[in-house]
Amino acid sequence: MVKVVIERRCKPGEEKRLEGLLKDLRSSCMRQPTYVSGETLIDIDDTTHYMVVGTWTRLEGWQGWKESQERQELLQMVSACIEQEPVVHVYAAAGNGLGGFEMDEHFASMIPTD
C-alpha cells in the first residue's frame, strides 16, 4: 500500500470551486483499479491550506493515474484555484517491504491451492 499526500494552497475566494474539483478528482480515482480510498482535509488554522490523502494498493497504480490524461485535464482547472504548485509526497509503510508485486505474491501465498 502507498499513501499519496498532496498539499495545495487555495486562492482566497476559490475554496468552493477547489473543493468541487477535488471531489471530481476523487470520483475519477474511484474508477482506478488500485485506488482504495481518499479524503480531503482542511487546515483548521488556515482554511486556504488543503491536504488530500489517497491510498493505493500499488505504487504503479498511483503513477499511472498521475500521468493520465483525465487527471491532467482536471488539474488544469485546479491550477486556476491555487496559489502555487502542489506539494506531493508518496509514502509506504516502514519496515514491511510489501508493495506492488511483492504484495501480490504475499497475498497469493495465503490462498490455498488444493
PDB file of N, CA and C in Angstrom:
ATOM      1  N   MET A   1       0.842  -1.178   0.000  1.00  0.00           N
ATOM      2  CA  MET A   1       0.000   0.000   0.000  1.00  0.00           C
ATOM      3  C   MET A   1       0.882   1.235   0.000  1.00  0.00           C
ATOM      4  N   VAL A   2       0.408   2.249  -0.673  1.00  0.00           N
ATOM      5  CA  VAL A   2       1.080   3.540  -0.629  1.00  0.00           C
ATOM      6  C   VAL A   2       0.055   4.606  -0.290  1.00  0.00           C
ATOM      7  N   LYS A   3       0.520   5.625   0.402  1.00  0.00           N
ATOM      8  CA  LYS A   3      -0.290   6.801   0.718  1.00  0.00           C
ATOM      9  C   LYS A   3       0.301   7.959  -0.070  1.00  0.00           C
ATOM     10  N   VAL A   4      -0.571   8.678  -0.751  1.00  0.00           N
ATOM     11  CA  VAL A   4      -0.162   9.854  -1.501  1.00  0.00           C
ATOM     12  C   VAL A   4      -0.757  11.064  -0.794  1.00  0.00           C
ATOM     13  N   VAL A   5       0.110  12.000  -0.413  1.00  0.00           N
ATOM     14  CA  VAL A   5      -0.323  13.203   0.283  1.00  0.00           C
ATOM     15  C   VAL A   5      -0.030  14.395  -0.623  1.00  0.00           C
ATOM     16  N   ILE A   6      -1.083  15.139  -0.942  1.00  0.00           N
ATOM     17  CA  ILE A   6      -0.939  16.292  -1.830  1.00  0.00           C
ATOM     18  C   ILE A   6      -1.425  17.527  -1.085  1.00  0.00           C
ATOM     19  N   GLU A   7      -0.541  18.519  -0.957  1.00  0.00           N
ATOM     20  CA  GLU A   7      -0.887  19.768  -0.280  1.00  0.00           C
ATOM     21  C   GLU A   7      -1.053  20.879  -1.311  1.00  0.00           C
ATOM     22  N   ARG A   8      -2.129  21.639  -1.140  1.00  0.00           N
ATOM     23  CA  ARG A   8      -2.408  22.761  -2.040  1.00  0.00           C
ATOM     24  C   ARG A   8      -2.773  23.980  -1.215  1.00  0.00           C
ATOM     25  N   ARG A   9      -2.416  25.146  -1.736  1.00  0.00           N
ATOM     26  CA  ARG A   9      -2.772  26.417  -1.114  1.00  0.00           C
ATOM     27  C   ARG A   9      -3.781  27.102  -2.044  1.00  0.00           C
ATOM     28  N   CYS A  10      -5.013  27.247  -1.551  1.00  0.00           N
ATOM     29  CA  CYS A  10      -6.106  27.802  -2.353  1.00  0.00           C
ATOM     30  C   CYS A  10      -6.034  29.327  -2.404  1.00  0.00           C
ATOM     31  N   LYS A  11      -6.380  29.878  -3.561  1.00  0.00           N
ATOM     32  CA  LYS A  11      -6.530  31.331  -3.664  1.00  0.00           C
ATOM     33  C   LYS A  11      -7.766  31.731  -2.860  1.00  0.00           C
ATOM     34  N   PRO A  12      -7.688  32.843  -2.123  1.00  0.00           N
ATOM     35  CA  PRO A  12      -8.868  33.298  -1.372  1.00  0.00           C
ATOM     36  C   PRO A  12     -10.062  33.501  -2.314  1.00  0.00           C
ATOM     37  N   GLY A  13     -11.220  33.012  -1.868  1.00  0.00           N
ATOM     38  CA  GLY A  13     -12.431  33.126  -2.664  1.00  0.00           C
ATOM     39  C   GLY A  13     -12.664  31.969  -3.622  1.00  0.00           C
ATOM     40  N   GLU A  14     -11.691  31.073  -3.779  1.00  0.00           N
ATOM     41  CA  GLU A  14     -11.808  29.940  -4.704  1.00  0.00           C
ATOM     42  C   GLU A  14     -12.059  28.605  -3.976  1.00  0.00           C
ATOM     43  N   GLU A  15     -12.319  28.673  -2.677  1.00  0.00           N
ATOM     44  CA  GLU A  15     -12.444  27.457  -1.878  1.00  0.00           C
ATOM     45  C   GLU A  15     -13.537  26.517  -2.385  1.00  0.00           C
ATOM     46  N   LYS A  16     -14.725  27.027  -2.630  1.00  0.00           N
ATOM     47  CA  LYS A  16     -15.829  26.158  -3.068  1.00  0.00           C
ATOM     48  C   LYS A  16     -15.525  25.519  -4.420  1.00  0.00           C
ATOM     49  N   ARG A  17     -14.966  26.297  -5.320  1.00  0.00           N
ATOM     50  CA  ARG A  17     -14.616  25.743  -6.631  1.00  0.00           C
ATOM     51  C   ARG A  17     -13.549  24.657  -6.486  1.00  0.00           C
ATOM     52  N   LEU A  18     -12.530  24.927  -5.686  1.00  0.00           N
ATOM     53  CA  LEU A  18     -11.477  23.935  -5.473  1.00  0.00           C
ATOM     54  C   LEU A  18     -12.052  22.666  -4.854  1.00  0.00           C
ATOM     55  N   GLU A  19     -12.898  22.809  -3.847  1.00  0.00           N
ATOM     56  CA  GLU A  19     -13.472  21.627  -3.201  1.00  0.00           C
ATOM     57  C   GLU A  19     -14.269  20.790  -4.199  1.00  0.00           C
ATOM     58  N   GLY A  20     -15.007  21.434  -5.089  1.00  0.00           N
ATOM     59  CA  GLY A  20     -15.749  20.699  -6.112  1.00  0.00           C
ATOM     60  C   GLY A  20     -14.825  19.945  -7.053  1.00  0.00           C
ATOM     61  N   LEU A  21     -13.737  20.583  -7.450  1.00  0.00           N
ATOM     62  CA  LEU A  21     -12.776  19.933  -8.349  1.00  0.00           C
ATOM     63  C   LEU A  21     -12.058  18.778  -7.658  1.00  0.00           C
ATOM     64  N   LEU A  22     -11.758  18.934  -6.375  1.00  0.00           N
ATOM     65  CA  LEU A  22     -11.116  17.845  -5.636  1.00  0.00           C
ATOM     66  C   LEU A  22     -12.065  16.654  -5.514  1.00  0.00           C
ATOM     67  N   LYS A  23     -13.358  16.922  -5.366  1.00  0.00           N
ATOM     68  CA  LYS A  23     -14.343  15.828  -5.362  1.00  0.00           C
ATOM     69  C   LYS A  23     -14.372  15.137  -6.719  1.00  0.00           C
ATOM     70  N   ASP A  24     -14.288  15.921  -7.795  1.00  0.00           N
ATOM     71  CA  ASP A  24     -14.249  15.333  -9.142  1.00  0.00           C
ATOM     72  C   ASP A  24     -13.024  14.441  -9.317  1.00  0.00           C
ATOM     73  N   LEU A  25     -11.879  14.909  -8.815  1.00  0.00           N
ATOM     74  CA  LEU A  25     -10.659  14.102  -8.894  1.00  0.00           C
ATOM     75  C   LEU A  25     -10.827  12.789  -8.133  1.00  0.00           C
ATOM     76  N   ARG A  26     -11.393  12.866  -6.924  1.00  0.00           N
ATOM     77  CA  ARG A  26     -11.573  11.651  -6.128  1.00  0.00           C
ATOM     78  C   ARG A  26     -12.556  10.701  -6.813  1.00  0.00           C
ATOM     79  N   SER A  27     -13.615  11.235  -7.398  1.00  0.00           N
ATOM     80  CA  SER A  27     -14.569  10.384  -8.128  1.00  0.00           C
ATOM     81  C   SER A  27     -13.884   9.658  -9.274  1.00  0.00           C
ATOM     82  N   SER A  28     -13.006  10.352  -9.964  1.00  0.00           N
ATOM     83  CA  SER A  28     -12.263   9.730 -11.058  1.00  0.00           C
ATOM     84  C   SER A  28     -11.308   8.666 -10.532  1.00  0.00           C
ATOM     85  N   CYS A  29     -10.696   8.928  -9.394  1.00  0.00           N
ATOM     86  CA  CYS A  29      -9.794   7.944  -8.784  1.00  0.00           C
ATOM     87  C   CYS A  29     -10.524   6.650  -8.476  1.00  0.00           C
ATOM     88  N   MET A  30     -11.768   6.759  -8.074  1.00  0.00           N
ATOM     89  CA  MET A  30     -12.531   5.569  -7.676  1.00  0.00           C
ATOM     90  C   MET A  30     -12.706   4.579  -8.820  1.00  0.00           C
ATOM     91  N   ARG A  31     -12.511   5.031 -10.024  1.00  0.00           N
ATOM     92  CA  ARG A  31     -12.603   4.129 -11.179  1.00  0.00           C
ATOM     93  C   ARG A  31     -11.269   3.463 -11.504  1.00  0.00           C
ATOM     94  N   GLN A  32     -10.229   3.797 -10.753  1.00  0.00           N
ATOM     95  CA  GLN A  32      -8.906   3.213 -10.977  1.00  0.00           C
ATOM     96  C   GLN A  32      -8.810   1.905 -10.190  1.00  0.00           C
ATOM     97  N   PRO A  33      -8.319   0.838 -10.798  1.00  0.00           N
ATOM     98  CA  PRO A  33      -8.352  -0.476 -10.148  1.00  0.00           C
ATOM     99  C   PRO A  33      -7.533  -0.595  -8.861  1.00  0.00           C
ATOM    100  N   THR A  34      -6.489   0.198  -8.675  1.00  0.00           N
ATOM    101  CA  THR A  34      -5.668   0.050  -7.466  1.00  0.00           C
ATOM    102  C   THR A  34      -5.938   1.135  -6.426  1.00  0.00           C
ATOM    103  N   TYR A  35      -6.942   1.963  -6.661  1.00  0.00           N
ATOM    104  CA  TYR A  35      -7.308   3.006  -5.703  1.00  0.00           C
ATOM    105  C   TYR A  35      -8.139   2.399  -4.584  1.00  0.00           C
ATOM    106  N   VAL A  36      -7.821   2.738  -3.341  1.00  0.00           N
ATOM    107  CA  VAL A  36      -8.522   2.198  -2.188  1.00  0.00           C
ATOM    108  C   VAL A  36      -9.452   3.241  -1.578  1.00  0.00           C
ATOM    109  N   SER A  37      -8.890   4.405  -1.224  1.00  0.00           N
ATOM    110  CA  SER A  37      -9.688   5.432  -0.558  1.00  0.00           C
ATOM    111  C   SER A  37      -8.957   6.768  -0.603  1.00  0.00           C
ATOM    112  N   GLY A  38      -9.686   7.801  -0.206  1.00  0.00           N
ATOM    113  CA  GLY A  38      -9.082   9.119  -0.135  1.00  0.00           C
ATOM    114  C   GLY A  38      -9.924  10.051   0.716  1.00  0.00           C
ATOM    115  N   GLU A  39      -9.295  11.106   1.167  1.00  0.00           N
ATOM    116  CA  GLU A  39     -10.014  12.130   1.913  1.00  0.00           C
ATOM    117  C   GLU A  39      -9.351  13.474   1.685  1.00  0.00           C
ATOM    118  N   THR A  40     -10.143  14.522   1.819  1.00  0.00           N
ATOM    119  CA  THR A  40      -9.650  15.883   1.688  1.00  0.00           C
ATOM    120  C   THR A  40      -9.744  16.546   3.052  1.00  0.00           C
ATOM    121  N   LEU A  41      -8.641  17.107   3.493  1.00  0.00           N
ATOM    122  CA  LEU A  41      -8.571  17.768   4.798  1.00  0.00           C
ATOM    123  C   LEU A  41      -8.289  19.255   4.614  1.00  0.00           C
ATOM    124  N   ILE A  42      -8.827  20.054   5.522  1.00  0.00           N
ATOM    125  CA  ILE A  42      -8.586  21.499   5.512  1.00  0.00           C
ATOM    126  C   ILE A  42      -7.951  21.862   6.849  1.00  0.00           C
ATOM    127  N   ASP A  43      -6.879  22.628   6.795  1.00  0.00           N
ATOM    128  CA  ASP A  43      -6.182  23.090   7.994  1.00  0.00           C
ATOM    129  C   ASP A  43      -7.128  23.993   8.797  1.00  0.00           C
ATOM    130  N   ILE A  44      -7.377  23.645  10.055  1.00  0.00           N
ATOM    131  CA  ILE A  44      -8.325  24.441  10.842  1.00  0.00           C
ATOM    132  C   ILE A  44      -7.785  25.825  11.206  1.00  0.00           C
ATOM    133  N   ASP A  45      -6.476  25.995  11.125  1.00  0.00           N
ATOM    134  CA  ASP A  45      -5.883  27.301  11.412  1.00  0.00           C
ATOM    135  C   ASP A  45      -5.647  28.136  10.159  1.00  0.00           C
ATOM    136  N   ASP A  46      -5.752  27.516   8.993  1.00  0.00           N
ATOM    137  CA  ASP A  46      -5.533  28.206   7.716  1.00  0.00           C
ATOM    138  C   ASP A  46      -6.413  27.539   6.662  1.00  0.00           C
ATOM    139  N   THR A  47      -7.605  28.067   6.476  1.00  0.00           N
ATOM    140  CA  THR A  47      -8.591  27.415   5.608  1.00  0.00           C
ATOM    141  C   THR A  47      -8.272  27.516   4.118  1.00  0.00           C
ATOM    142  N   THR A  48      -7.116  28.072   3.772  1.00  0.00           N
ATOM    143  CA  THR A  48      -6.676  28.036   2.372  1.00  0.00           C
ATOM    144  C   THR A  48      -5.715  26.868   2.129  1.00  0.00           C
ATOM    145  N   HIS A  49      -5.374  26.140   3.195  1.00  0.00           N
ATOM    146  CA  HIS A  49      -4.427  25.027   3.109  1.00  0.00           C
ATOM    147  C   HIS A  49      -5.204  23.711   3.071  1.00  0.00           C
ATOM    148  N   TYR A  50      -5.139  23.016   1.943  1.00  0.00           N
ATOM    149  CA  TYR A  50      -5.835  21.748   1.730  1.00  0.00           C
ATOM    150  C   TYR A  50      -4.828  20.617   1.635  1.00  0.00           C
ATOM    151  N   MET A  51      -5.217  19.461   2.166  1.00  0.00           N
ATOM    152  CA  MET A  51      -4.395  18.265   2.046  1.00  0.00           C
ATOM    153  C   MET A  51      -5.290  17.118   1.593  1.00  0.00           C
ATOM    154  N   VAL A  52      -4.876  16.443   0.541  1.00  0.00           N
ATOM    155  CA  VAL A  52      -5.578  15.260   0.058  1.00  0.00           C
ATOM    156  C   VAL A  52      -4.701  14.058   0.368  1.00  0.00           C
ATOM    157  N   VAL A  53      -5.303  13.041   0.989  1.00  0.00           N
ATOM    158  CA  VAL A  53      -4.589  11.809   1.311  1.00  0.00           C
ATOM    159  C   VAL A  53      -5.287  10.677   0.562  1.00  0.00           C
ATOM    160  N   GLY A  54      -4.555  10.025  -0.310  1.00  0.00           N
ATOM    161  CA  GLY A  54      -5.102   8.900  -1.074  1.00  0.00           C
ATOM    162  C   GLY A  54      -4.341   7.629  -0.770  1.00  0.00           C
ATOM    163  N   THR A  55      -5.048   6.505  -0.775  1.00  0.00           N
ATOM    164  CA  THR A  55      -4.437   5.205  -0.529  1.00  0.00           C
ATOM    165  C   THR A  55      -4.583   4.356  -1.786  1.00  0.00           C
ATOM    166  N   TRP A  56      -3.468   3.775  -2.210  1.00  0.00           N
ATOM    167  CA  TRP A  56      -3.407   2.926  -3.407  1.00  0.00           C
ATOM    168  C   TRP A  56      -2.781   1.599  -3.023  1.00  0.00           C
ATOM    169  N   THR A  57      -3.241   0.515  -3.638  1.00  0.00           N
ATOM    170  CA  THR A  57      -2.655  -0.785  -3.327  1.00  0.00           C
ATOM    171  C   THR A  57      -1.276  -0.939  -3.946  1.00  0.00           C
ATOM    172  N   ARG A  58      -1.022  -0.221  -5.026  1.00  0.00           N
ATOM    173  CA  ARG A  58       0.255  -0.365  -5.745  1.00  0.00           C
ATOM    174  C   ARG A  58       0.774   1.005  -6.163  1.00  0.00           C
ATOM    175  N   LEU A  59       2.058   1.186  -6.030  1.00  0.00           N
ATOM    176  CA  LEU A  59       2.697   2.411  -6.477  1.00  0.00           C
ATOM    177  C   LEU A  59       2.447   2.627  -7.964  1.00  0.00           C
ATOM    178  N   GLU A  60       2.481   1.547  -8.728  1.00  0.00           N
ATOM    179  CA  GLU A  60       2.283   1.658 -10.182  1.00  0.00           C
ATOM    180  C   GLU A  60       0.894   2.200 -10.517  1.00  0.00           C
ATOM    181  N   GLY A  61      -0.084   1.881  -9.688  1.00  0.00           N
ATOM    182  CA  GLY A  61      -1.436   2.406  -9.904  1.00  0.00           C
ATOM    183  C   GLY A  61      -1.472   3.906  -9.754  1.00  0.00           C
ATOM    184  N   TRP A  62      -0.848   4.412  -8.694  1.00  0.00           N
ATOM    185  CA  TRP A  62      -0.755   5.857  -8.496  1.00  0.00           C
ATOM    186  C   TRP A  62      -0.002   6.518  -9.654  1.00  0.00           C
ATOM    187  N   GLN A  63       1.120   5.931 -10.028  1.00  0.00           N
ATOM    188  CA  GLN A  63       1.924   6.522 -11.098  1.00  0.00           C
ATOM    189  C   GLN A  63       1.150   6.579 -12.409  1.00  0.00           C
ATOM    190  N   GLY A  64       0.380   5.544 -12.708  1.00  0.00           N
ATOM    191  CA  GLY A  64      -0.431   5.550 -13.921  1.00  0.00           C
ATOM    192  C   GLY A  64      -1.497   6.633 -13.875  1.00  0.00           C
ATOM    193  N   TRP A  65      -2.157   6.771 -12.733  1.00  0.00           N
ATOM    194  CA  TRP A  65      -3.176   7.810 -12.569  1.00  0.00           C
ATOM    195  C   TRP A  65      -2.546   9.200 -12.644  1.00  0.00           C
ATOM    196  N   LYS A  66      -1.382   9.342 -12.032  1.00  0.00           N
ATOM    197  CA  LYS A  66      -0.693  10.634 -12.008  1.00  0.00           C
ATOM    198  C   LYS A  66      -0.430  11.148 -13.421  1.00  0.00           C
ATOM    199  N   GLU A  67      -0.131  10.257 -14.335  1.00  0.00           N
ATOM    200  CA  GLU A  67       0.203  10.643 -15.704  1.00  0.00           C
ATOM    201  C   GLU A  67      -0.996  10.605 -16.659  1.00  0.00           C
ATOM    202  N   SER A  68      -2.154  10.197 -16.182  1.00  0.00           N
ATOM    203  CA  SER A  68      -3.308  10.002 -17.068  1.00  0.00           C
ATOM    204  C   SER A  68      -3.837  11.327 -17.632  1.00  0.00           C
ATOM    205  N   GLN A  69      -4.389  11.244 -18.817  1.00  0.00           N
ATOM    206  CA  GLN A  69      -4.983  12.409 -19.477  1.00  0.00           C
ATOM    207  C   GLN A  69      -6.153  12.963 -18.667  1.00  0.00           C
ATOM    208  N   GLU A  70      -6.973  12.085 -18.117  1.00  0.00           N
ATOM    209  CA  GLU A  70      -8.133  12.508 -17.329  1.00  0.00           C
ATOM    210  C   GLU A  70      -7.695  13.366 -16.140  1.00  0.00           C
ATOM    211  N   ARG A  71      -6.667  12.906 -15.423  1.00  0.00           N
ATOM    212  CA  ARG A  71      -6.168  13.673 -14.275  1.00  0.00           C
ATOM    213  C   ARG A  71      -5.569  14.994 -14.728  1.00  0.00           C
ATOM    214  N   GLN A  72      -4.818  14.982 -15.814  1.00  0.00           N
ATOM    215  CA  GLN A  72      -4.188  16.215 -16.309  1.00  0.00           C
ATOM    216  C   GLN A  72      -5.238  17.267 -16.656  1.00  0.00           C
ATOM    217  N   GLU A  73      -6.348  16.837 -17.253  1.00  0.00           N
ATOM    218  CA  GLU A  73      -7.415  17.777 -17.603  1.00  0.00           C
ATOM    219  C   GLU A  73      -8.041  18.395 -16.356  1.00  0.00           C
ATOM    220  N   LEU A  74      -8.278  17.588 -15.330  1.00  0.00           N
ATOM    221  CA  LEU A  74      -8.830  18.112 -14.083  1.00  0.00           C
ATOM    222  C   LEU A  74      -7.840  19.043 -13.387  1.00  0.00           C
ATOM    223  N   LEU A  75      -6.555  18.692 -13.440  1.00  0.00           N
ATOM    224  CA  LEU A  75      -5.550  19.533 -12.791  1.00  0.00           C
ATOM    225  C   LEU A  75      -5.412  20.899 -13.467  1.00  0.00           C
ATOM    226  N   GLN A  76      -5.706  20.970 -14.750  1.00  0.00           N
ATOM    227  CA  GLN A  76      -5.695  22.269 -15.437  1.00  0.00           C
ATOM    228  C   GLN A  76      -6.686  23.211 -14.771  1.00  0.00           C
ATOM    229  N   MET A  77      -7.862  22.694 -14.434  1.00  0.00           N
ATOM    230  CA  MET A  77      -8.885  23.512 -13.770  1.00  0.00           C
ATOM    231  C   MET A  77      -8.497  23.831 -12.329  1.00  0.00           C
ATOM    232  N   VAL A  78      -7.899  22.849 -11.645  1.00  0.00           N
ATOM    233  CA  VAL A  78      -7.458  23.058 -10.269  1.00  0.00           C
ATOM    234  C   VAL A  78      -6.402  24.161 -10.217  1.00  0.00           C
ATOM    235  N   SER A  79      -5.525  24.205 -11.192  1.00  0.00           N
ATOM    236  CA  SER A  79      -4.417  25.176 -11.167  1.00  0.00           C
ATOM    237  C   SER A  79      -4.917  26.620 -11.124  1.00  0.00           C
ATOM    238  N   ALA A  80      -6.117  26.876 -11.653  1.00  0.00           N
ATOM    239  CA  ALA A  80      -6.673  28.231 -11.610  1.00  0.00           C
ATOM    240  C   ALA A  80      -7.123  28.613 -10.202  1.00  0.00           C
ATOM    241  N   CYS A  81      -7.262  27.638  -9.322  1.00  0.00           N
ATOM    242  CA  CYS A  81      -7.763  27.878  -7.964  1.00  0.00           C
ATOM    243  C   CYS A  81      -6.663  27.928  -6.907  1.00  0.00           C
ATOM    244  N   ILE A  82      -5.448  27.596  -7.273  1.00  0.00           N
ATOM    245  CA  ILE A  82      -4.391  27.501  -6.262  1.00  0.00           C
ATOM    246  C   ILE A  82      -3.307  28.540  -6.500  1.00  0.00           C
ATOM    247  N   GLU A  83      -2.625  28.895  -5.415  1.00  0.00           N
ATOM    248  CA  GLU A  83      -1.611  29.947  -5.456  1.00  0.00           C
ATOM    249  C   GLU A  83      -0.256  29.472  -5.947  1.00  0.00           C
ATOM    250  N   GLN A  84       0.048  28.208  -5.754  1.00  0.00           N
ATOM    251  CA  GLN A  84       1.370  27.682  -6.118  1.00  0.00           C
ATOM    252  C   GLN A  84       1.235  26.220  -6.501  1.00  0.00           C
ATOM    253  N   GLU A  85       2.289  25.665  -7.021  1.00  0.00           N
ATOM    254  CA  GLU A  85       2.287  24.254  -7.393  1.00  0.00           C
ATOM    255  C   GLU A  85       2.034  23.396  -6.153  1.00  0.00           C
ATOM    256  N   PRO A  86       1.253  22.323  -6.290  1.00  0.00           N
ATOM    257  CA  PRO A  86       1.030  21.440  -5.143  1.00  0.00           C
ATOM    258  C   PRO A  86       2.314  20.735  -4.729  1.00  0.00           C
ATOM    259  N   VAL A  87       2.363  20.360  -3.465  1.00  0.00           N
ATOM    260  CA  VAL A  87       3.476  19.579  -2.929  1.00  0.00           C
ATOM    261  C   VAL A  87       2.966  18.145  -2.780  1.00  0.00           C
ATOM    262  N   VAL A  88       3.674  17.198  -3.398  1.00  0.00           N
ATOM    263  CA  VAL A  88       3.242  15.796  -3.403  1.00  0.00           C
ATOM    264  C   VAL A  88       4.283  14.936  -2.709  1.00  0.00           C
ATOM    265  N   HIS A  89       3.807  14.104  -1.783  1.00  0.00           N
ATOM    266  CA  HIS A  89       4.661  13.124  -1.110  1.00  0.00           C
ATOM    267  C   HIS A  89       4.005  11.758  -1.247  1.00  0.00           C
ATOM    268  N   VAL A  90       4.805  10.725  -1.489  1.00  0.00           N
ATOM    269  CA  VAL A  90       4.303   9.359  -1.586  1.00  0.00           C
ATOM    270  C   VAL A  90       4.995   8.548  -0.492  1.00  0.00           C
ATOM    271  N   TYR A  91       4.177   7.859   0.317  1.00  0.00           N
ATOM    272  CA  TYR A  91       4.686   7.109   1.461  1.00  0.00           C
ATOM    273  C   TYR A  91       4.305   5.633   1.357  1.00  0.00           C
ATOM    274  N   ALA A  92       5.172   4.782   1.884  1.00  0.00           N
ATOM    275  CA  ALA A  92       4.878   3.362   2.056  1.00  0.00           C
ATOM    276  C   ALA A  92       5.102   3.035   3.532  1.00  0.00           C
ATOM    277  N   ALA A  93       4.474   1.987   4.007  1.00  0.00           N
ATOM    278  CA  ALA A  93       4.646   1.583   5.402  1.00  0.00           C
ATOM    279  C   ALA A  93       6.104   1.194   5.646  1.00  0.00           C
ATOM    280  N   ALA A  94       6.655   1.697   6.711  1.00  0.00           N
ATOM    281  CA  ALA A  94       8.050   1.407   7.038  1.00  0.00           C
ATOM    282  C   ALA A  94       8.197  -0.023   7.525  1.00  0.00           C
ATOM    283  N   GLY A  95       9.251  -0.678   7.057  1.00  0.00           N
ATOM    284  CA  GLY A  95       9.633  -1.960   7.607  1.00  0.00           C
ATOM    285  C   GLY A  95       8.969  -3.194   7.046  1.00  0.00           C
ATOM    286  N   ASN A  96       7.853  -3.054   6.299  1.00  0.00           N
ATOM    287  CA  ASN A  96       7.230  -4.292   5.849  1.00  0.00           C
ATOM    288  C   ASN A  96       7.697  -4.719   4.471  1.00  0.00           C
ATOM    289  N   GLY A  97       8.255  -3.825   3.700  1.00  0.00           N
ATOM    290  CA  GLY A  97       8.804  -4.187   2.407  1.00  0.00           C
ATOM    291  C   GLY A  97       7.781  -4.655   1.384  1.00  0.00           C
ATOM    292  N   LEU A  98       6.494  -4.569   1.708  1.00  0.00           N
ATOM    293  CA  LEU A  98       5.477  -5.051   0.783  1.00  0.00           C
ATOM    294  C   LEU A  98       4.962  -3.916  -0.088  1.00  0.00           C
ATOM    295  N   GLY A  99       5.005  -4.134  -1.360  1.00  0.00           N
ATOM    296  CA  GLY A  99       4.453  -3.168  -2.292  1.00  0.00           C
ATOM    297  C   GLY A  99       4.466  -3.758  -3.680  1.00  0.00           C
ATOM    298  N   GLY A 100       3.503  -3.394  -4.492  1.00  0.00           N
ATOM    299  CA  GLY A 100       3.464  -3.866  -5.866  1.00  0.00           C
ATOM    300  C   GLY A 100       3.462  -5.377  -5.953  1.00  0.00           C
ATOM    301  N   PHE A 101       4.375  -5.932  -6.734  1.00  0.00           N
ATOM    302  CA  PHE A 101       4.438  -7.367  -6.999  1.00  0.00           C
ATOM    303  C   PHE A 101       4.612  -8.166  -5.710  1.00  0.00           C
ATOM    304  N   GLU A 102       5.451  -7.664  -4.803  1.00  0.00           N
ATOM    305  CA  GLU A 102       5.687  -8.388  -3.563  1.00  0.00           C
ATOM    306  C   GLU A 102       4.390  -8.564  -2.784  1.00  0.00           C
ATOM    307  N   MET A 103       3.540  -7.530  -2.767  1.00  0.00           N
ATOM    308  CA  MET A 103       2.280  -7.629  -2.048  1.00  0.00           C
ATOM    309  C   MET A 103       1.372  -8.658  -2.719  1.00  0.00           C
ATOM    310  N   ASP A 104       1.313  -8.649  -4.044  1.00  0.00           N
ATOM    311  CA  ASP A 104       0.500  -9.630  -4.758  1.00  0.00           C
ATOM    312  C   ASP A 104       0.960 -11.045  -4.420  1.00  0.00           C
ATOM    313  N   GLU A 105       2.261 -11.277  -4.424  1.00  0.00           N
ATOM    314  CA  GLU A 105       2.806 -12.595  -4.106  1.00  0.00           C
ATOM    315  C   GLU A 105       2.497 -12.978  -2.663  1.00  0.00           C
ATOM    316  N   HIS A 106       2.583 -12.015  -1.764  1.00  0.00           N
ATOM    317  CA  HIS A 106       2.300 -12.269  -0.346  1.00  0.00           C
ATOM    318  C   HIS A 106       0.867 -12.752  -0.181  1.00  0.00           C
ATOM    319  N   PHE A 107      -0.090 -12.036  -0.765  1.00  0.00           N
ATOM    320  CA  PHE A 107      -1.489 -12.420  -0.618  1.00  0.00           C
ATOM    321  C   PHE A 107      -1.797 -13.706  -1.377  1.00  0.00           C
ATOM    322  N   ALA A 108      -1.186 -13.904  -2.510  1.00  0.00           N
ATOM    323  CA  ALA A 108      -1.392 -15.143  -3.280  1.00  0.00           C
ATOM    324  C   ALA A 108      -0.937 -16.349  -2.466  1.00  0.00           C
ATOM    325  N   SER A 109       0.135 -16.183  -1.679  1.00  0.00           N
ATOM    326  CA  SER A 109       0.653 -17.299  -0.886  1.00  0.00           C
ATOM    327  C   SER A 109      -0.307 -17.693   0.229  1.00  0.00           C
ATOM    328  N   MET A 110      -1.255 -16.840   0.569  1.00  0.00           N
ATOM    329  CA  MET A 110      -2.213 -17.114   1.633  1.00  0.00           C
ATOM    330  C   MET A 110      -3.444 -17.876   1.140  1.00  0.00           C
ATOM    331  N   ILE A 111      -3.583 -18.023  -0.178  1.00  0.00           N
ATOM    332  CA  ILE A 111      -4.743 -18.684  -0.756  1.00  0.00           C
ATOM    333  C   ILE A 111      -4.427 -20.156  -0.970  1.00  0.00           C
ATOM    334  N   PRO A 112      -5.243 -21.058  -0.383  1.00  0.00           N
ATOM    335  CA  PRO A 112      -4.987 -22.493  -0.574  1.00  0.00           C
ATOM    336  C   PRO A 112      -5.135 -22.876  -2.054  1.00  0.00           C
ATOM    337  N   THR A 113      -4.292 -23.788  -2.504  1.00  0.00           N
ATOM    338  CA  THR A 113      -4.322 -24.200  -3.896  1.00  0.00           C
ATOM    339  C   THR A 113      -4.918 -25.579  -4.087  1.00  0.00           C
ATOM    340  N   ASP A 114      -5.344 -26.290  -3.022  1.00  0.00           N
ATOM    341  CA  ASP A 114      -5.897 -27.624  -3.229  1.00  0.00           C
ATOM    342  C   ASP A 114      -7.317 -27.585  -3.677  1.00  0.00           C
TER     343      ASP A 114
END
